[in-house]
Protein backbone atom coordinates (compact mmCIF):
# COMPACT_ATOMS: atom_id res chain seq x y z
CA TRP A 1 167.56 124.48 80.31
CA ASP A 2 168.82 121.25 78.78
CA HIS A 3 165.43 120.59 77.20
CA PHE A 4 165.33 124.13 75.77
CA TYR A 5 168.83 123.88 74.29
CA GLY A 6 168.09 120.44 72.87
CA ASN A 7 165.01 121.81 71.11
CA MET A 8 166.95 124.77 69.73
CA VAL A 9 169.80 122.63 68.39
CA THR A 10 167.28 120.31 66.74
CA LEU A 11 165.42 123.26 65.28
CA VAL A 12 168.54 124.89 63.85
CA ILE A 13 170.21 121.81 62.42
CA LEU A 14 167.39 119.45 61.44
CA GLY A 15 164.82 122.19 60.85
CA THR A 16 167.02 124.13 58.46
CA PHE A 17 167.89 120.95 56.57
CA LEU A 18 164.23 119.92 56.28
CA GLU A 19 163.22 123.41 55.15
CA ARG A 20 165.71 123.20 52.29
CA ILE A 21 164.18 119.88 51.25
CA MET A 22 160.49 120.78 51.66
CA GLY A 23 160.45 124.46 50.86
CA SER A 24 159.55 127.30 53.23
CA MET A 25 155.75 127.14 53.04
CA SER A 26 155.49 123.36 53.46
CA TYR A 27 157.97 123.50 56.33
CA PHE A 28 156.01 126.32 57.99
CA LEU A 29 152.78 124.32 57.73
CA LEU A 30 154.45 121.18 59.12
CA TYR A 31 156.09 123.02 62.01
CA THR A 32 153.03 125.09 62.95
CA GLY A 33 150.58 122.22 62.52
CA SER A 34 152.75 119.87 64.58
CA GLY A 35 153.08 122.43 67.34
CA ILE A 36 149.33 123.04 67.51
CA LEU A 37 148.42 119.35 67.35
CA GLY A 38 151.08 118.48 69.92
CA SER A 39 149.71 121.09 72.32
CA LEU A 40 146.15 119.89 71.78
CA ALA A 41 147.16 116.26 72.35
CA SER A 42 148.91 117.25 75.57
CA ALA A 43 145.86 119.17 76.78
CA VAL A 44 143.50 116.29 75.96
CA TYR A 45 145.79 113.81 77.71
CA TYR A 46 146.07 115.80 80.91
CA GLU A 47 142.35 116.50 80.90
CA ALA A 48 141.65 112.77 80.51
CA ILE A 49 143.80 111.86 83.52
CA GLY A 50 142.29 114.64 85.60
CA ASP A 51 145.31 116.92 85.91
CA ILE A 52 145.18 120.65 85.35
CA VAL A 53 148.49 121.83 83.95
CA TRP A 54 149.88 124.81 82.10
CA SER A 55 152.25 124.03 79.29
CA ALA A 56 154.13 125.97 76.69
CA GLY A 57 156.83 124.89 74.35
CA ALA A 58 157.85 123.64 70.98
CA SER A 59 158.36 119.94 71.67
CA GLY A 60 155.39 118.91 69.52
CA ALA A 61 156.75 120.97 66.65
CA ILE A 62 160.22 119.47 67.13
CA TYR A 63 158.73 115.98 66.96
CA GLY A 64 156.96 117.10 63.78
CA ILE A 65 160.32 118.02 62.25
CA ILE A 66 161.73 114.62 63.17
CA GLY A 67 158.65 112.91 61.71
CA GLY A 68 158.98 114.99 58.55
CA LEU A 69 162.60 113.93 58.15
CA ILE A 70 161.65 110.27 58.63
CA ALA A 71 158.94 110.65 55.98
CA VAL A 72 161.42 112.23 53.55
CA VAL A 73 163.90 109.40 54.14
CA ILE A 74 161.21 106.77 53.51
CA PHE A 75 159.26 108.35 50.66
CA GLN A 76 161.46 110.99 48.99
CA ARG A 77 165.06 109.93 49.52
CA GLU A 78 166.12 111.51 46.20
CA LYS A 79 165.36 114.98 47.61
CA ILE A 80 168.05 114.52 50.24
CA ARG A 81 170.63 114.02 47.50
CA GLN A 82 169.63 117.35 45.93
CA VAL A 83 170.73 119.26 49.02
CA ARG A 84 174.45 119.95 48.95
CA SER A 85 176.36 117.60 51.22
CA GLY A 86 178.68 120.43 52.27
CA TRP A 87 175.75 122.23 53.88
CA TRP A 88 176.06 120.14 57.06
CA TRP A 89 179.48 121.60 57.82
CA THR A 90 178.25 125.17 57.60
CA CYS A 91 175.94 124.50 60.57
CA MET A 92 178.67 123.08 62.76
């Protein structure tokens, strides 16, 4: 359950913040694309090592959110300043 709760906290706090920066459609594409590509990468990896596994989850999408935030910090730092600083406290 710890993994599940960690993903949900990340999704609510970082995901909501990133959506405000990127906009809803761009965020949706990032989240969905990261989830699909993460699942495909996991399937290819386990196939390559000869394991047959079932997997379900949002970890790939969560890593996509984190990657998106890193990209915003590196390439579009000014967009972070446009989001109200008081917003962080409303999530806590």
